[in-house]
Amino acid sequence: MYALFALTALAGCDVFTDTTDLEQFAYLSLLNPRFDENPVIRRTIEQTKDKLGAFGAAMRGLPDSVVEEIKRDSGEDSASGGGKS
């Protein structure tokens, strides 16, 4: 698991240099590798570009509904038979 987290964080190094930003990028990537396709996330990435720590702070303040949407869109539920209708 640690190796997966490290590889995920490494992928974020191309975009983020702040530790908080990288932590949030890695966390969300583990929830859903395509999390950045979510419109809220995409807009936040654009708005926080070049602002150290801003992405991480914004992600920590995400509404629960957005986090749940990211989890649902990961396809995890479909593997257990509880996917989208």
C-alpha atoms as a PDB file:
ATOM      1  CA  MET A   1       0.000   0.000   0.000  1.00  0.00           C
ATOM      2  CA  TYR A   2       2.830   2.389   0.811  1.00  0.00           C
ATOM      3  CA  ALA A   3       4.340   1.837  -2.654  1.00  0.00           C
ATOM      4  CA  LEU A   4       0.999   2.640  -4.302  1.00  0.00           C
ATOM      5  CA  PHE A   5       0.695   5.818  -2.251  1.00  0.00           C
ATOM      6  CA  ALA A   6       4.262   6.821  -3.151  1.00  0.00           C
ATOM      7  CA  LEU A   7       3.662   6.272  -6.871  1.00  0.00           C
ATOM      8  CA  THR A   8       0.419   8.225  -6.706  1.00  0.00           C
ATOM      9  CA  ALA A   9       2.120  11.125  -4.923  1.00  0.00           C
ATOM     10  CA  LEU A  10       4.925  11.052  -7.463  1.00  0.00           C
ATOM     11  CA  ALA A  11       2.375  11.537 -10.239  1.00  0.00           C
ATOM     12  CA  GLY A  12       1.188  14.696  -8.501  1.00  0.00           C
ATOM     13  CA  CYS A  13       4.711  16.128  -8.349  1.00  0.00           C
ATOM     14  CA  ASP A  14       4.333  17.298 -11.932  1.00  0.00           C
ATOM     15  CA  VAL A  15       1.493  19.562 -10.853  1.00  0.00           C
ATOM     16  CA  PHE A  16       2.000  20.311  -7.159  1.00  0.00           C
ATOM     17  CA  THR A  17       5.052  21.076  -5.023  1.00  0.00           C
ATOM     18  CA  ASP A  18       3.366  21.838  -1.686  1.00  0.00           C
ATOM     19  CA  THR A  19       3.113  18.922   0.767  1.00  0.00           C
ATOM     20  CA  THR A  20      -0.542  19.589   1.585  1.00  0.00           C
ATOM     21  CA  ASP A  21      -1.395  19.733  -2.108  1.00  0.00           C
ATOM     22  CA  LEU A  22       0.426  16.455  -2.740  1.00  0.00           C
ATOM     23  CA  GLU A  23      -1.258  14.726   0.212  1.00  0.00           C
ATOM     24  CA  GLN A  24      -4.708  15.647  -1.047  1.00  0.00           C
ATOM     25  CA  PHE A  25      -3.822  14.742  -4.640  1.00  0.00           C
ATOM     26  CA  ALA A  26      -2.590  11.320  -3.514  1.00  0.00           C
ATOM     27  CA  TYR A  27      -5.612  10.705  -1.279  1.00  0.00           C
ATOM     28  CA  LEU A  28      -8.100  11.574  -4.006  1.00  0.00           C
ATOM     29  CA  SER A  29      -6.133   9.576  -6.584  1.00  0.00           C
ATOM     30  CA  LEU A  30      -6.418   6.519  -4.372  1.00  0.00           C
ATOM     31  CA  LEU A  31     -10.183   7.054  -4.072  1.00  0.00           C
ATOM     32  CA  ASN A  32     -10.494   7.409  -7.832  1.00  0.00           C
ATOM     33  CA  PRO A  33      -7.603   7.650 -10.307  1.00  0.00           C
ATOM     34  CA  ARG A  34      -9.801   9.858 -12.515  1.00  0.00           C
ATOM     35  CA  PHE A  35     -10.901  12.200  -9.704  1.00  0.00           C
ATOM     36  CA  ASP A  36      -9.607  15.206 -11.642  1.00  0.00           C
ATOM     37  CA  GLU A  37     -12.304  14.663 -14.286  1.00  0.00           C
ATOM     38  CA  ASN A  38     -14.914  15.812 -11.768  1.00  0.00           C
ATOM     39  CA  PRO A  39     -16.038  19.365 -12.701  1.00  0.00           C
ATOM     40  CA  VAL A  40     -15.631  20.673  -9.141  1.00  0.00           C
ATOM     41  CA  ILE A  41     -12.096  19.293  -8.924  1.00  0.00           C
ATOM     42  CA  ARG A  42     -11.170  20.516 -12.394  1.00  0.00           C
ATOM     43  CA  ARG A  43     -12.376  24.034 -11.560  1.00  0.00           C
ATOM     44  CA  THR A  44     -10.500  23.973  -8.242  1.00  0.00           C
ATOM     45  CA  ILE A  45      -7.263  22.898  -9.943  1.00  0.00           C
ATOM     46  CA  GLU A  46      -7.550  25.822 -12.343  1.00  0.00           C
ATOM     47  CA  GLN A  47      -8.399  28.316  -9.592  1.00  0.00           C
ATOM     48  CA  THR A  48      -5.574  27.208  -7.280  1.00  0.00           C
ATOM     49  CA  LYS A  49      -2.899  26.862  -9.949  1.00  0.00           C
ATOM     50  CA  ASP A  50       0.410  28.417  -8.837  1.00  0.00           C
ATOM     51  CA  LYS A  51      -0.863  29.016  -5.273  1.00  0.00           C
ATOM     52  CA  LEU A  52       1.062  26.825  -2.829  1.00  0.00           C
ATOM     53  CA  GLY A  53      -1.215  24.987  -0.429  1.00  0.00           C
ATOM     54  CA  ALA A  54      -4.410  26.324  -1.988  1.00  0.00           C
ATOM     55  CA  PHE A  55      -5.387  23.045  -3.677  1.00  0.00           C
ATOM     56  CA  GLY A  56      -4.873  21.056  -0.476  1.00  0.00           C
ATOM     57  CA  ALA A  57      -6.877  23.536   1.560  1.00  0.00           C
ATOM     58  CA  ALA A  58      -9.689  23.532  -0.994  1.00  0.00           C
ATOM     59  CA  MET A  59      -9.787  19.730  -1.098  1.00  0.00           C
ATOM     60  CA  ARG A  60      -9.964  19.489   2.691  1.00  0.00           C
ATOM     61  CA  GLY A  61     -13.047  21.690   2.497  1.00  0.00           C
ATOM     62  CA  LEU A  62     -14.824  19.641  -0.164  1.00  0.00           C
ATOM     63  CA  PRO A  63     -18.465  18.969   0.617  1.00  0.00           C
ATOM     64  CA  ASP A  64     -19.146  15.348   1.558  1.00  0.00           C
ATOM     65  CA  SER A  65     -21.417  15.059  -1.475  1.00  0.00           C
ATOM     66  CA  VAL A  66     -18.486  15.740  -3.848  1.00  0.00           C
ATOM     67  CA  VAL A  67     -16.273  13.187  -2.072  1.00  0.00           C
ATOM     68  CA  GLU A  68     -19.074  10.616  -2.290  1.00  0.00           C
ATOM     69  CA  GLU A  69     -19.507  11.387  -5.999  1.00  0.00           C
ATOM     70  CA  ILE A  70     -15.772  10.838  -6.565  1.00  0.00           C
ATOM     71  CA  LYS A  71     -15.978   7.511  -4.717  1.00  0.00           C
ATOM     72  CA  ARG A  72     -19.033   6.437  -6.743  1.00  0.00           C
ATOM     73  CA  ASP A  73     -17.408   7.373 -10.030  1.00  0.00           C
ATOM     74  CA  SER A  74     -14.414   5.174  -9.207  1.00  0.00           C
ATOM     75  CA  GLY A  75     -16.391   2.059 -10.100  1.00  0.00           C
ATOM     76  CA  GLU A  76     -15.877   0.483  -6.675  1.00  0.00           C
ATOM     77  CA  ASP A  77     -19.620   0.128  -6.173  1.00  0.00           C
ATOM     78  CA  SER A  78     -20.116  -1.630  -9.490  1.00  0.00           C
ATOM     79  CA  ALA A  79     -17.745  -4.386  -8.422  1.00  0.00           C
ATOM     80  CA  SER A  80     -19.923  -5.109  -5.411  1.00  0.00           C
ATOM     81  CA  GLY A  81     -23.148  -4.928  -7.392  1.00  0.00           C
ATOM     82  CA  GLY A  82     -24.158  -1.489  -6.125  1.00  0.00           C
ATOM     83  CA  GLY A  83     -23.259   0.647  -9.104  1.00  0.00           C
ATOM     84  CA  LYS A  84     -25.165   3.505 -10.674  1.00  0.00           C
ATOM     85  CA  SER A  85     -28.642   2.786 -11.972  1.00  0.00           C
END
